[in-house]
């Protein structure tokens, strides 16, 4: 029996199935295998950002086992109807953050999120992101928050202070609000590394953050409302 599912930016297809098993098409996929369970193995198709030379290694690390009798839940990136999103972005290093925001908006557009269902809030820098993220997450208006910034290492320890505060703050915003807060703050050693991740040769991390936000918002909205 063949089946396919969506997971992030990768599509998954069934590559082997135990006799008599019924494969679930959505789920959080277990990476281990227990012989006493009927199971199916699925393999992901690498996203465009993975080079051909790394494709086989990527496939091996993303071959997962799905168990027929286990209830498995995952968010959808293809049905965003009714979901609202907000991007909280830092103006500092806007040569990086503006392309990241553009990437996030493109990610929403390509996944059929309506323009009127997305807001963008600009703050001075990455240090200010967590407070605003927590505030809008607790407002009840949004199903997910994307936090975008760029912190580039300099000659002092300021980099560590801002990077650590931003990461722990975004985590706390999500935990305290119960709303997914997606970490899209680049923490790079050089400006070149940041530009590579803002639409350069490594892709656009803003786009990836948008896809993650859609999946997490869908997961919470459809499966984790207790």
N, C-alpha and C. Protein backbone atom coordinates (compact mmCIF):
# COMPACT_ATOMS: atom_id res chain seq x y z
N UNK A 1 0.85 -1.19 0.00
CA UNK A 1 0.00 0.00 0.00
C UNK A 1 0.88 1.23 0.00
N UNK A 2 0.61 2.15 -0.88
CA UNK A 2 1.40 3.38 -0.96
C UNK A 2 0.61 4.53 -0.37
N UNK A 3 1.32 5.47 0.19
CA UNK A 3 0.67 6.65 0.74
C UNK A 3 1.68 7.77 0.77
N UNK A 4 1.17 9.01 0.87
CA UNK A 4 2.08 10.14 0.97
C UNK A 4 1.52 11.14 1.96
N UNK A 5 2.40 11.87 2.62
CA UNK A 5 2.01 12.88 3.59
C UNK A 5 2.91 14.08 3.44
N UNK A 6 2.48 15.21 4.02
CA UNK A 6 3.31 16.41 3.99
C UNK A 6 3.95 16.62 5.34
N UNK A 7 5.20 17.04 5.35
CA UNK A 7 5.91 17.28 6.60
C UNK A 7 6.88 18.43 6.36
N UNK A 8 6.54 19.62 6.88
CA UNK A 8 7.37 20.80 6.61
C UNK A 8 7.34 21.09 5.13
N UNK A 9 8.54 21.27 4.51
CA UNK A 9 8.61 21.52 3.08
C UNK A 9 8.83 20.23 2.30
N UNK A 10 8.87 19.08 2.98
CA UNK A 10 9.18 17.82 2.31
C UNK A 10 7.92 16.99 2.16
N UNK A 11 7.80 16.28 1.04
CA UNK A 11 6.70 15.33 0.89
C UNK A 11 7.21 13.95 1.22
N UNK A 12 6.35 13.13 1.83
CA UNK A 12 6.76 11.81 2.29
C UNK A 12 6.01 10.75 1.52
N UNK A 13 6.67 9.69 1.11
CA UNK A 13 6.01 8.62 0.38
C UNK A 13 6.35 7.28 1.01
N UNK A 14 5.38 6.36 0.99
CA UNK A 14 5.59 5.04 1.57
C UNK A 14 6.55 4.24 0.71
N UNK A 15 7.57 3.61 1.35
CA UNK A 15 8.51 2.81 0.58
C UNK A 15 8.45 1.33 0.94
N UNK A 16 7.86 0.96 2.08
CA UNK A 16 7.65 -0.46 2.38
C UNK A 16 6.58 -0.58 3.43
N UNK A 17 5.80 -1.64 3.36
CA UNK A 17 4.67 -1.80 4.25
C UNK A 17 4.60 -3.23 4.77
N UNK A 18 4.43 -3.38 6.08
CA UNK A 18 4.25 -4.72 6.64
C UNK A 18 2.92 -5.30 6.19
N UNK A 19 2.86 -6.59 6.01
CA UNK A 19 1.65 -7.24 5.53
C UNK A 19 0.50 -7.01 6.49
N UNK A 20 -0.62 -6.55 5.93
CA UNK A 20 -1.82 -6.38 6.73
C UNK A 20 -1.89 -5.07 7.48
N UNK A 21 -0.90 -4.24 7.42
CA UNK A 21 -0.94 -2.99 8.18
C UNK A 21 -1.72 -1.94 7.41
N UNK A 22 -2.31 -1.00 8.13
CA UNK A 22 -3.01 0.13 7.54
C UNK A 22 -2.25 1.40 7.93
N UNK A 23 -1.74 2.10 6.95
CA UNK A 23 -0.88 3.23 7.26
C UNK A 23 -1.70 4.49 7.48
N UNK A 24 -1.38 5.22 8.51
CA UNK A 24 -1.99 6.51 8.76
C UNK A 24 -1.27 7.56 7.94
N UNK A 25 -2.02 8.50 7.35
CA UNK A 25 -1.41 9.45 6.42
C UNK A 25 -0.98 10.74 7.10
N UNK A 26 -1.24 10.88 8.38
CA UNK A 26 -0.75 12.05 9.11
C UNK A 26 -0.15 11.60 10.42
N UNK A 27 0.83 12.35 10.92
CA UNK A 27 1.33 11.94 12.21
C UNK A 27 2.66 12.51 12.58
N UNK A 28 3.02 12.35 13.84
CA UNK A 28 4.36 12.60 14.34
C UNK A 28 5.06 11.25 14.23
N UNK A 29 6.04 11.12 13.37
CA UNK A 29 6.50 9.82 12.97
C UNK A 29 7.61 9.29 13.87
N UNK A 30 7.42 8.07 14.39
CA UNK A 30 8.42 7.43 15.24
C UNK A 30 9.60 6.98 14.40
N UNK A 31 10.82 7.20 14.91
CA UNK A 31 12.02 6.84 14.16
C UNK A 31 12.52 5.45 14.51
N UNK A 32 11.93 4.79 15.51
CA UNK A 32 12.39 3.46 15.88
C UNK A 32 11.37 2.43 15.41
N UNK A 33 11.74 1.17 15.45
CA UNK A 33 10.86 0.11 14.96
C UNK A 33 10.74 -0.99 16.01
N UNK A 34 9.51 -1.42 16.27
CA UNK A 34 9.25 -2.53 17.19
C UNK A 34 8.58 -3.64 16.40
N UNK A 35 9.15 -4.85 16.43
CA UNK A 35 8.69 -5.94 15.57
C UNK A 35 7.26 -6.34 15.87
N UNK A 36 6.81 -6.14 17.10
CA UNK A 36 5.47 -6.61 17.42
C UNK A 36 4.38 -5.70 16.89
N UNK A 37 4.75 -4.56 16.31
CA UNK A 37 3.77 -3.67 15.70
C UNK A 37 3.81 -3.82 14.19
N UNK A 38 2.62 -3.80 13.54
CA UNK A 38 2.59 -3.63 12.11
C UNK A 38 3.06 -2.22 11.79
N UNK A 39 3.94 -2.08 10.83
CA UNK A 39 4.50 -0.75 10.59
C UNK A 39 4.74 -0.52 9.11
N UNK A 40 4.89 0.76 8.76
CA UNK A 40 5.21 1.17 7.40
C UNK A 40 6.39 2.13 7.47
N UNK A 41 7.27 2.03 6.48
CA UNK A 41 8.37 2.97 6.42
C UNK A 41 8.07 4.00 5.34
N UNK A 42 8.32 5.25 5.65
CA UNK A 42 8.11 6.32 4.68
C UNK A 42 9.40 7.10 4.53
N UNK A 43 9.59 7.62 3.33
CA UNK A 43 10.82 8.34 3.05
C UNK A 43 10.47 9.71 2.51
N UNK A 44 11.17 10.72 2.98
CA UNK A 44 10.88 12.09 2.56
C UNK A 44 11.62 12.44 1.29
N UNK A 45 10.98 13.26 0.45
CA UNK A 45 11.64 13.83 -0.71
C UNK A 45 12.34 15.11 -0.29
N UNK A 46 13.64 15.24 -0.53
CA UNK A 46 14.38 16.42 -0.05
C UNK A 46 13.79 17.72 -0.58
N UNK A 47 13.74 18.78 0.24
CA UNK A 47 13.30 20.09 -0.23
C UNK A 47 14.33 20.68 -1.17
N UNK A 48 13.97 21.70 -1.93
CA UNK A 48 14.89 22.29 -2.91
C UNK A 48 16.20 22.78 -2.32
N UNK A 49 16.21 23.14 -1.04
CA UNK A 49 17.42 23.70 -0.43
C UNK A 49 18.51 22.65 -0.21
N UNK A 50 18.17 21.34 -0.33
CA UNK A 50 19.15 20.28 -0.14
C UNK A 50 19.83 19.99 -1.48
N UNK A 51 21.15 20.06 -1.51
CA UNK A 51 21.89 19.84 -2.75
C UNK A 51 21.84 18.37 -3.14
N UNK A 52 22.10 18.10 -4.44
CA UNK A 52 22.07 16.73 -4.94
C UNK A 52 23.08 15.83 -4.22
N UNK A 53 24.24 16.40 -3.89
CA UNK A 53 25.28 15.60 -3.24
C UNK A 53 24.89 15.17 -1.83
N UNK A 54 23.97 15.90 -1.21
CA UNK A 54 23.54 15.56 0.15
C UNK A 54 22.18 14.87 0.18
N UNK A 55 21.59 14.63 -1.00
CA UNK A 55 20.22 14.12 -1.05
C UNK A 55 20.08 12.73 -0.44
N UNK A 56 21.02 11.82 -0.75
CA UNK A 56 20.91 10.46 -0.22
C UNK A 56 21.04 10.43 1.29
N UNK A 57 22.00 11.20 1.82
CA UNK A 57 22.16 11.27 3.27
C UNK A 57 20.89 11.84 3.91
N UNK A 58 20.31 12.87 3.26
CA UNK A 58 19.09 13.49 3.78
C UNK A 58 17.94 12.48 3.81
N UNK A 59 17.82 11.67 2.72
CA UNK A 59 16.75 10.68 2.67
C UNK A 59 16.89 9.64 3.79
N UNK A 60 18.14 9.19 4.02
CA UNK A 60 18.37 8.19 5.06
C UNK A 60 17.96 8.72 6.44
N UNK A 61 18.30 9.98 6.71
CA UNK A 61 18.00 10.54 8.02
C UNK A 61 16.52 10.90 8.16
N UNK A 62 15.78 10.89 7.05
CA UNK A 62 14.35 11.23 7.10
C UNK A 62 13.47 10.07 6.65
N UNK A 63 13.98 8.85 6.79
CA UNK A 63 13.17 7.67 6.59
C UNK A 63 12.59 7.28 7.94
N UNK A 64 11.28 7.29 8.04
CA UNK A 64 10.61 7.14 9.33
C UNK A 64 9.70 5.93 9.32
N UNK A 65 9.38 5.44 10.51
CA UNK A 65 8.48 4.30 10.66
C UNK A 65 7.15 4.78 11.23
N UNK A 66 6.06 4.39 10.58
CA UNK A 66 4.72 4.77 11.02
C UNK A 66 3.98 3.51 11.45
N UNK A 67 3.36 3.53 12.61
CA UNK A 67 2.67 2.37 13.14
C UNK A 67 1.17 2.48 12.90
N UNK A 68 0.58 1.37 12.46
CA UNK A 68 -0.81 1.39 12.03
C UNK A 68 -1.78 1.65 13.18
N UNK A 69 -1.52 1.11 14.36
CA UNK A 69 -2.49 1.17 15.44
C UNK A 69 -2.32 2.39 16.33
N UNK A 70 -1.30 3.18 16.10
CA UNK A 70 -1.02 4.33 16.97
C UNK A 70 -1.66 5.58 16.38
N UNK A 71 -2.39 6.29 17.20
CA UNK A 71 -2.98 7.56 16.76
C UNK A 71 -1.88 8.60 16.63
N UNK A 72 -1.73 9.14 15.44
CA UNK A 72 -0.64 10.06 15.17
C UNK A 72 -1.20 11.38 14.66
N UNK A 73 -0.67 12.48 15.18
CA UNK A 73 -1.20 13.80 14.88
C UNK A 73 -0.13 14.69 14.28
N UNK A 74 -0.51 15.48 13.33
CA UNK A 74 0.40 16.47 12.77
C UNK A 74 -0.42 17.63 12.20
N UNK A 75 0.22 18.77 12.07
CA UNK A 75 -0.45 19.90 11.46
C UNK A 75 -0.38 19.81 9.95
N UNK A 76 -1.26 20.53 9.29
CA UNK A 76 -1.30 20.55 7.83
C UNK A 76 -0.73 21.88 7.33
N UNK A 77 0.02 21.83 6.23
CA UNK A 77 0.49 23.07 5.61
C UNK A 77 -0.30 23.39 4.35
N UNK A 78 -1.33 22.60 4.08
CA UNK A 78 -2.11 22.79 2.86
C UNK A 78 -3.51 23.35 3.11
N UNK A 79 -3.91 23.43 4.39
CA UNK A 79 -5.26 23.93 4.70
C UNK A 79 -5.18 24.98 5.80
N UNK A 80 -4.75 26.20 5.45
CA UNK A 80 -4.58 27.23 6.47
C UNK A 80 -5.83 28.09 6.72
N UNK A 81 -6.96 27.66 6.16
CA UNK A 81 -8.17 28.47 6.30
C UNK A 81 -8.51 28.72 7.77
N UNK A 82 -8.82 29.98 8.08
CA UNK A 82 -9.20 30.34 9.44
C UNK A 82 -8.05 30.61 10.37
N UNK A 83 -6.82 30.48 9.91
CA UNK A 83 -5.66 30.72 10.75
C UNK A 83 -5.11 32.12 10.52
N UNK A 84 -4.69 32.77 11.61
CA UNK A 84 -4.13 34.13 11.51
C UNK A 84 -2.72 34.12 12.10
N UNK A 85 -1.85 34.94 11.49
CA UNK A 85 -0.44 34.95 11.85
C UNK A 85 0.06 36.38 12.02
N UNK A 86 1.10 36.51 12.83
CA UNK A 86 1.76 37.81 12.98
C UNK A 86 3.27 37.59 12.94
N UNK A 87 3.95 38.48 12.24
CA UNK A 87 5.40 38.48 12.18
C UNK A 87 5.92 39.62 13.04
N UNK A 88 6.75 39.31 14.02
CA UNK A 88 7.41 40.34 14.83
C UNK A 88 8.86 40.40 14.37
N UNK A 89 9.24 41.54 13.77
CA UNK A 89 10.54 41.63 13.12
C UNK A 89 11.35 42.80 13.66
N UNK A 90 12.67 42.59 13.74
CA UNK A 90 13.58 43.63 14.22
C UNK A 90 14.06 44.49 13.05
N UNK A 91 14.09 45.81 13.27
CA UNK A 91 14.61 46.72 12.23
C UNK A 91 16.13 46.69 12.18
N UNK A 92 16.79 46.41 13.30
CA UNK A 92 18.26 46.38 13.32
C UNK A 92 18.76 45.32 12.35
N UNK A 93 19.77 45.64 11.57
CA UNK A 93 20.26 44.77 10.50
C UNK A 93 19.16 44.52 9.48
N UNK A 94 18.45 45.60 9.09
CA UNK A 94 17.32 45.41 8.19
C UNK A 94 17.73 44.97 6.79
N UNK A 95 19.00 45.08 6.45
CA UNK A 95 19.46 44.51 5.19
C UNK A 95 19.27 43.00 5.18
N UNK A 96 19.18 42.42 6.38
CA UNK A 96 18.91 40.99 6.54
C UNK A 96 17.44 40.73 6.87
N UNK A 97 16.89 41.50 7.81
CA UNK A 97 15.55 41.19 8.29
C UNK A 97 14.46 41.49 7.27
N UNK A 98 14.66 42.49 6.43
CA UNK A 98 13.63 42.76 5.41
C UNK A 98 13.48 41.61 4.42
N UNK A 99 14.59 41.06 3.88
CA UNK A 99 14.43 39.87 3.04
C UNK A 99 13.84 38.67 3.77
N UNK A 100 14.14 38.55 5.06
CA UNK A 100 13.54 37.45 5.84
C UNK A 100 12.03 37.64 5.95
N UNK A 101 11.59 38.86 6.21
CA UNK A 101 10.16 39.13 6.28
C UNK A 101 9.51 38.87 4.92
N UNK A 102 10.16 39.33 3.85
CA UNK A 102 9.63 39.08 2.51
C UNK A 102 9.52 37.58 2.25
N UNK A 103 10.52 36.82 2.71
CA UNK A 103 10.47 35.37 2.56
C UNK A 103 9.30 34.76 3.31
N UNK A 104 9.06 35.25 4.53
CA UNK A 104 7.93 34.74 5.32
C UNK A 104 6.61 35.04 4.61
N UNK A 105 6.46 36.25 4.10
CA UNK A 105 5.22 36.60 3.41
C UNK A 105 5.03 35.78 2.14
N UNK A 106 6.14 35.50 1.45
CA UNK A 106 6.07 34.64 0.27
C UNK A 106 5.68 33.22 0.66
N UNK A 107 6.21 32.75 1.79
CA UNK A 107 5.84 31.43 2.28
C UNK A 107 4.35 31.33 2.58
N UNK A 108 3.81 32.35 3.20
CA UNK A 108 2.37 32.38 3.47
C UNK A 108 1.58 32.39 2.17
N UNK A 109 2.01 33.23 1.22
CA UNK A 109 1.28 33.34 -0.05
C UNK A 109 1.26 32.01 -0.78
N UNK A 110 2.40 31.34 -0.82
CA UNK A 110 2.48 30.08 -1.56
C UNK A 110 1.69 28.97 -0.90
N UNK A 111 1.39 29.14 0.37
CA UNK A 111 0.60 28.12 1.08
C UNK A 111 -0.83 28.60 1.33
N UNK A 112 -1.26 29.55 0.51
CA UNK A 112 -2.68 29.97 0.43
C UNK A 112 -3.19 30.66 1.68
N UNK A 113 -2.28 31.29 2.44
CA UNK A 113 -2.72 32.14 3.56
C UNK A 113 -3.08 33.51 2.99
N UNK A 114 -4.24 34.01 3.33
CA UNK A 114 -4.70 35.30 2.80
C UNK A 114 -3.88 36.45 3.38
N UNK A 115 -3.66 37.48 2.58
CA UNK A 115 -2.89 38.64 3.03
C UNK A 115 -3.51 39.27 4.26
N UNK A 116 -4.84 39.32 4.30
CA UNK A 116 -5.51 39.96 5.43
C UNK A 116 -5.41 39.15 6.72
N UNK A 117 -4.88 37.94 6.63
CA UNK A 117 -4.70 37.10 7.82
C UNK A 117 -3.27 37.16 8.36
N UNK A 118 -2.47 38.09 7.86
CA UNK A 118 -1.08 38.23 8.30
C UNK A 118 -0.81 39.69 8.67
N UNK A 119 -0.27 39.91 9.85
CA UNK A 119 0.18 41.23 10.27
C UNK A 119 1.69 41.21 10.49
N UNK A 120 2.34 42.35 10.30
CA UNK A 120 3.77 42.49 10.55
C UNK A 120 3.98 43.62 11.54
N UNK A 121 4.71 43.35 12.61
CA UNK A 121 5.04 44.35 13.63
C UNK A 121 6.55 44.51 13.66
N UNK A 122 7.01 45.75 13.54
CA UNK A 122 8.45 46.04 13.58
C UNK A 122 8.84 46.55 14.96
N UNK A 123 9.95 46.05 15.47
CA UNK A 123 10.50 46.51 16.76
C UNK A 123 11.95 46.94 16.52
N UNK A 124 12.54 47.68 17.45
CA UNK A 124 13.90 48.20 17.20
C UNK A 124 14.95 47.13 16.94
N UNK A 125 14.99 46.08 17.78
CA UNK A 125 16.03 45.07 17.64
C UNK A 125 15.56 43.72 18.13
N UNK A 126 16.43 42.73 18.03
CA UNK A 126 16.06 41.37 18.42
C UNK A 126 15.79 41.24 19.91
N UNK A 127 16.43 42.07 20.72
CA UNK A 127 16.21 42.02 22.17
C UNK A 127 14.76 42.35 22.52
N UNK A 128 14.13 43.18 21.70
CA UNK A 128 12.76 43.62 21.97
C UNK A 128 11.70 42.64 21.45
N UNK A 129 12.10 41.66 20.70
CA UNK A 129 11.13 40.75 20.08
C UNK A 129 10.32 39.95 21.10
N UNK A 130 10.94 39.32 22.12
CA UNK A 130 10.17 38.42 22.99
C UNK A 130 8.98 39.08 23.69
N UNK A 131 9.15 40.29 24.21
CA UNK A 131 8.05 40.95 24.91
C UNK A 131 6.86 41.18 23.98
N UNK A 132 7.13 41.66 22.79
CA UNK A 132 6.05 41.90 21.83
C UNK A 132 5.43 40.58 21.39
N UNK A 133 6.27 39.58 21.17
CA UNK A 133 5.77 38.26 20.77
C UNK A 133 4.81 37.70 21.82
N UNK A 134 5.19 37.78 23.08
CA UNK A 134 4.32 37.27 24.14
C UNK A 134 3.03 38.06 24.24
N UNK A 135 3.13 39.37 24.07
CA UNK A 135 1.94 40.22 24.16
C UNK A 135 0.93 39.88 23.07
N UNK A 136 1.39 39.76 21.82
CA UNK A 136 0.44 39.46 20.74
C UNK A 136 -0.03 38.02 20.81
N UNK A 137 0.82 37.12 21.30
CA UNK A 137 0.39 35.73 21.44
C UNK A 137 -0.73 35.60 22.46
N UNK A 138 -0.66 36.38 23.52
CA UNK A 138 -1.69 36.32 24.56
C UNK A 138 -2.96 37.09 24.18
N UNK A 139 -2.90 37.86 23.09
CA UNK A 139 -4.06 38.68 22.70
C UNK A 139 -5.22 37.84 22.21
N UNK A 140 -4.96 36.61 21.78
CA UNK A 140 -6.02 35.76 21.26
C UNK A 140 -6.35 36.01 19.80
N UNK A 141 -5.62 36.91 19.15
CA UNK A 141 -5.91 37.26 17.76
C UNK A 141 -5.18 36.36 16.77
N UNK A 142 -4.13 35.69 17.22
CA UNK A 142 -3.27 34.97 16.28
C UNK A 142 -3.10 33.51 16.69
N UNK A 143 -2.88 32.67 15.68
CA UNK A 143 -2.67 31.25 15.92
C UNK A 143 -1.19 30.89 15.96
N UNK A 144 -0.33 31.77 15.48
CA UNK A 144 1.12 31.55 15.57
C UNK A 144 1.83 32.89 15.37
N UNK A 145 3.01 33.00 15.98
CA UNK A 145 3.83 34.21 15.90
C UNK A 145 5.18 33.82 15.31
N UNK A 146 5.63 34.58 14.33
CA UNK A 146 6.97 34.38 13.77
C UNK A 146 7.87 35.52 14.26
N UNK A 147 8.99 35.16 14.82
CA UNK A 147 9.93 36.14 15.36
C UNK A 147 11.16 36.19 14.46
N UNK A 148 11.40 37.37 13.86
CA UNK A 148 12.47 37.51 12.87
C UNK A 148 13.46 38.59 13.30
N UNK A 149 14.73 38.24 13.27
CA UNK A 149 15.79 39.20 13.61
C UNK A 149 17.11 38.69 13.06
N UNK A 150 18.14 39.48 13.25
CA UNK A 150 19.48 39.07 12.80
C UNK A 150 20.50 39.63 13.79
N UNK A 151 21.23 38.72 14.42
CA UNK A 151 22.27 39.10 15.37
C UNK A 151 23.60 38.59 14.81
N UNK A 152 24.52 39.51 14.54
CA UNK A 152 25.81 39.16 13.94
C UNK A 152 26.92 39.43 14.96
N UNK A 153 27.80 38.46 15.12
CA UNK A 153 28.87 38.56 16.11
C UNK A 153 29.77 39.76 15.82
N UNK A 154 30.12 40.47 16.88
CA UNK A 154 31.02 41.60 16.76
C UNK A 154 32.26 41.41 17.62
N UNK A 155 32.87 42.50 18.02
CA UNK A 155 34.13 42.42 18.77
C UNK A 155 33.92 42.30 20.27
N UNK A 156 32.67 42.44 20.74
CA UNK A 156 32.40 42.38 22.18
C UNK A 156 31.45 41.22 22.48
N UNK A 157 31.09 41.07 23.75
CA UNK A 157 30.18 40.00 24.16
C UNK A 157 28.71 40.39 23.99
N UNK A 158 28.46 41.54 23.40
CA UNK A 158 27.08 41.98 23.18
C UNK A 158 26.30 40.94 22.38
N UNK A 159 26.97 40.30 21.43
CA UNK A 159 26.33 39.28 20.60
C UNK A 159 25.71 38.17 21.45
N UNK A 160 26.50 37.63 22.38
CA UNK A 160 26.00 36.53 23.21
C UNK A 160 24.80 36.97 24.05
N UNK A 161 24.87 38.18 24.59
CA UNK A 161 23.77 38.66 25.44
C UNK A 161 22.47 38.77 24.64
N UNK A 162 22.55 39.36 23.45
CA UNK A 162 21.34 39.55 22.65
C UNK A 162 20.83 38.21 22.10
N UNK A 163 21.74 37.40 21.59
CA UNK A 163 21.33 36.11 21.01
C UNK A 163 20.68 35.22 22.06
N UNK A 164 21.28 35.12 23.23
CA UNK A 164 20.72 34.28 24.29
C UNK A 164 19.39 34.82 24.79
N UNK A 165 19.30 36.13 24.94
CA UNK A 165 18.04 36.73 25.41
C UNK A 165 16.92 36.52 24.40
N UNK A 166 17.25 36.67 23.12
CA UNK A 166 16.23 36.50 22.08
C UNK A 166 15.73 35.06 22.04
N UNK A 167 16.63 34.10 22.06
CA UNK A 167 16.22 32.70 21.96
C UNK A 167 15.42 32.24 23.18
N UNK A 168 15.92 32.55 24.36
CA UNK A 168 15.19 32.15 25.57
C UNK A 168 13.88 32.92 25.71
N UNK A 169 13.88 34.17 25.26
CA UNK A 169 12.67 34.98 25.35
C UNK A 169 11.58 34.49 24.43
N UNK A 170 11.93 34.11 23.21
CA UNK A 170 10.93 33.58 22.28
C UNK A 170 10.38 32.26 22.79
N UNK A 171 11.25 31.42 23.33
CA UNK A 171 10.80 30.16 23.94
C UNK A 171 9.81 30.44 25.06
N UNK A 172 10.14 31.37 25.94
CA UNK A 172 9.25 31.70 27.06
C UNK A 172 7.92 32.27 26.58
N UNK A 173 7.95 33.06 25.52
CA UNK A 173 6.72 33.63 24.98
C UNK A 173 5.76 32.53 24.54
N UNK A 174 6.29 31.52 23.89
CA UNK A 174 5.44 30.41 23.48
C UNK A 174 4.93 29.60 24.66
N UNK A 175 5.80 29.32 25.62
CA UNK A 175 5.40 28.53 26.78
C UNK A 175 4.37 29.28 27.64
N UNK A 176 4.57 30.57 27.79
CA UNK A 176 3.68 31.35 28.65
C UNK A 176 2.32 31.63 28.02
N UNK A 177 2.29 31.67 26.70
CA UNK A 177 1.05 32.01 26.01
C UNK A 177 0.29 30.80 25.51
N UNK A 178 0.98 29.69 25.30
CA UNK A 178 0.34 28.53 24.71
C UNK A 178 0.14 28.66 23.22
N UNK A 179 0.76 29.66 22.61
CA UNK A 179 0.67 29.90 21.16
C UNK A 179 2.04 29.65 20.55
N UNK A 180 2.14 28.92 19.45
CA UNK A 180 3.44 28.69 18.84
C UNK A 180 4.16 29.99 18.48
N UNK A 181 5.37 30.15 18.97
CA UNK A 181 6.21 31.30 18.64
C UNK A 181 7.45 30.74 17.93
N UNK A 182 7.55 31.03 16.66
CA UNK A 182 8.57 30.42 15.80
C UNK A 182 9.84 31.27 15.83
N UNK A 183 10.97 30.63 16.10
CA UNK A 183 12.24 31.34 16.22
C UNK A 183 12.88 31.51 14.85
N UNK A 184 12.82 32.72 14.33
CA UNK A 184 13.41 33.04 13.04
C UNK A 184 14.50 34.09 13.16
N UNK A 185 15.17 34.13 14.31
CA UNK A 185 16.25 35.09 14.53
C UNK A 185 17.57 34.44 14.11
N UNK A 186 18.23 35.01 13.12
CA UNK A 186 19.52 34.49 12.70
C UNK A 186 20.59 34.91 13.71
N UNK A 187 21.44 33.97 14.09
CA UNK A 187 22.58 34.26 14.96
C UNK A 187 23.82 33.78 14.23
N UNK A 188 24.52 34.70 13.60
CA UNK A 188 25.60 34.35 12.68
C UNK A 188 26.92 34.99 13.09
N UNK A 189 27.99 34.36 12.67
CA UNK A 189 29.32 34.91 12.95
C UNK A 189 29.67 36.07 12.03
N UNK A 190 29.15 36.05 10.81
CA UNK A 190 29.47 37.10 9.84
C UNK A 190 28.22 37.56 9.12
N UNK A 191 28.30 38.74 8.52
CA UNK A 191 27.19 39.24 7.73
C UNK A 191 26.97 38.37 6.49
N UNK A 192 28.03 37.82 5.96
CA UNK A 192 27.90 36.94 4.80
C UNK A 192 27.05 35.72 5.12
N UNK A 193 27.28 35.12 6.31
CA UNK A 193 26.46 33.98 6.72
C UNK A 193 24.99 34.37 6.82
N UNK A 194 24.73 35.55 7.35
CA UNK A 194 23.35 36.01 7.49
C UNK A 194 22.70 36.21 6.13
N UNK A 195 23.42 36.82 5.20
CA UNK A 195 22.86 37.06 3.87
C UNK A 195 22.60 35.76 3.13
N UNK A 196 23.46 34.76 3.36
CA UNK A 196 23.25 33.45 2.74
C UNK A 196 21.93 32.84 3.18
N UNK A 197 21.48 33.17 4.39
CA UNK A 197 20.26 32.60 4.96
C UNK A 197 19.05 33.51 4.80
N UNK A 198 19.24 34.64 4.14
CA UNK A 198 18.15 35.59 3.92
C UNK A 198 17.88 35.72 2.42
N UNK A 199 17.84 34.57 1.75
CA UNK A 199 17.58 34.56 0.33
C UNK A 199 18.80 34.23 -0.50
N UNK A 200 19.95 33.95 0.16
CA UNK A 200 21.17 33.60 -0.55
C UNK A 200 21.26 32.12 -0.83
N UNK A 201 22.49 31.61 -0.84
CA UNK A 201 22.71 30.23 -1.28
C UNK A 201 22.20 29.18 -0.31
N UNK A 202 21.90 29.57 0.93
CA UNK A 202 21.36 28.60 1.90
C UNK A 202 19.83 28.63 1.92
N UNK A 203 19.24 29.55 1.21
CA UNK A 203 17.79 29.67 1.20
C UNK A 203 17.32 30.87 2.00
N UNK A 204 16.05 30.87 2.35
CA UNK A 204 15.47 31.97 3.12
C UNK A 204 14.81 31.41 4.37
N UNK A 205 15.40 31.72 5.53
CA UNK A 205 14.90 31.18 6.79
C UNK A 205 13.55 31.79 7.17
N UNK A 206 13.23 32.95 6.61
CA UNK A 206 11.91 33.53 6.84
C UNK A 206 10.82 32.69 6.20
N UNK A 207 11.09 32.22 5.00
CA UNK A 207 10.15 31.33 4.30
C UNK A 207 9.94 30.05 5.12
N UNK A 208 11.03 29.46 5.60
CA UNK A 208 10.93 28.24 6.38
C UNK A 208 10.15 28.47 7.67
N UNK A 209 10.34 29.64 8.27
CA UNK A 209 9.61 29.96 9.51
C UNK A 209 8.11 30.04 9.25
N UNK A 210 7.73 30.57 8.09
CA UNK A 210 6.31 30.67 7.76
C UNK A 210 5.69 29.29 7.61
N UNK A 211 6.38 28.38 6.94
CA UNK A 211 5.87 27.02 6.77
C UNK A 211 5.73 26.33 8.14
N UNK A 212 6.72 26.53 8.99
CA UNK A 212 6.66 25.96 10.34
C UNK A 212 5.47 26.54 11.11
N UNK A 213 5.25 27.84 10.98
CA UNK A 213 4.14 28.49 11.67
C UNK A 213 2.80 27.94 11.23
N UNK A 214 2.65 27.70 9.93
CA UNK A 214 1.39 27.15 9.42
C UNK A 214 1.15 25.75 10.01
N UNK A 215 2.18 24.93 9.98
CA UNK A 215 2.03 23.56 10.50
C UNK A 215 1.72 23.55 11.99
N UNK A 216 2.43 24.36 12.75
CA UNK A 216 2.19 24.40 14.20
C UNK A 216 0.83 24.98 14.53
N UNK A 217 0.42 26.03 13.82
CA UNK A 217 -0.90 26.61 14.06
C UNK A 217 -1.99 25.59 13.76
N UNK A 218 -1.83 24.85 12.68
CA UNK A 218 -2.80 23.82 12.32
C UNK A 218 -2.84 22.71 13.36
N UNK A 219 -1.67 22.29 13.83
CA UNK A 219 -1.60 21.25 14.86
C UNK A 219 -2.36 21.66 16.11
N UNK A 220 -2.11 22.87 16.58
CA UNK A 220 -2.78 23.35 17.78
C UNK A 220 -4.28 23.53 17.55
N UNK A 221 -4.65 24.10 16.42
CA UNK A 221 -6.04 24.42 16.17
C UNK A 221 -6.89 23.17 16.00
N UNK A 222 -6.36 22.15 15.34
CA UNK A 222 -7.16 20.98 15.00
C UNK A 222 -6.95 19.78 15.91
N UNK A 223 -5.85 19.74 16.65
CA UNK A 223 -5.57 18.53 17.42
C UNK A 223 -5.26 18.78 18.90
N UNK A 224 -4.82 19.96 19.26
CA UNK A 224 -4.35 20.18 20.64
C UNK A 224 -5.22 21.18 21.40
N UNK A 225 -6.45 21.30 21.05
CA UNK A 225 -7.37 22.17 21.78
C UNK A 225 -8.11 21.33 22.81
N UNK A 226 -7.65 21.39 24.06
CA UNK A 226 -8.21 20.55 25.11
C UNK A 226 -9.16 21.34 26.00
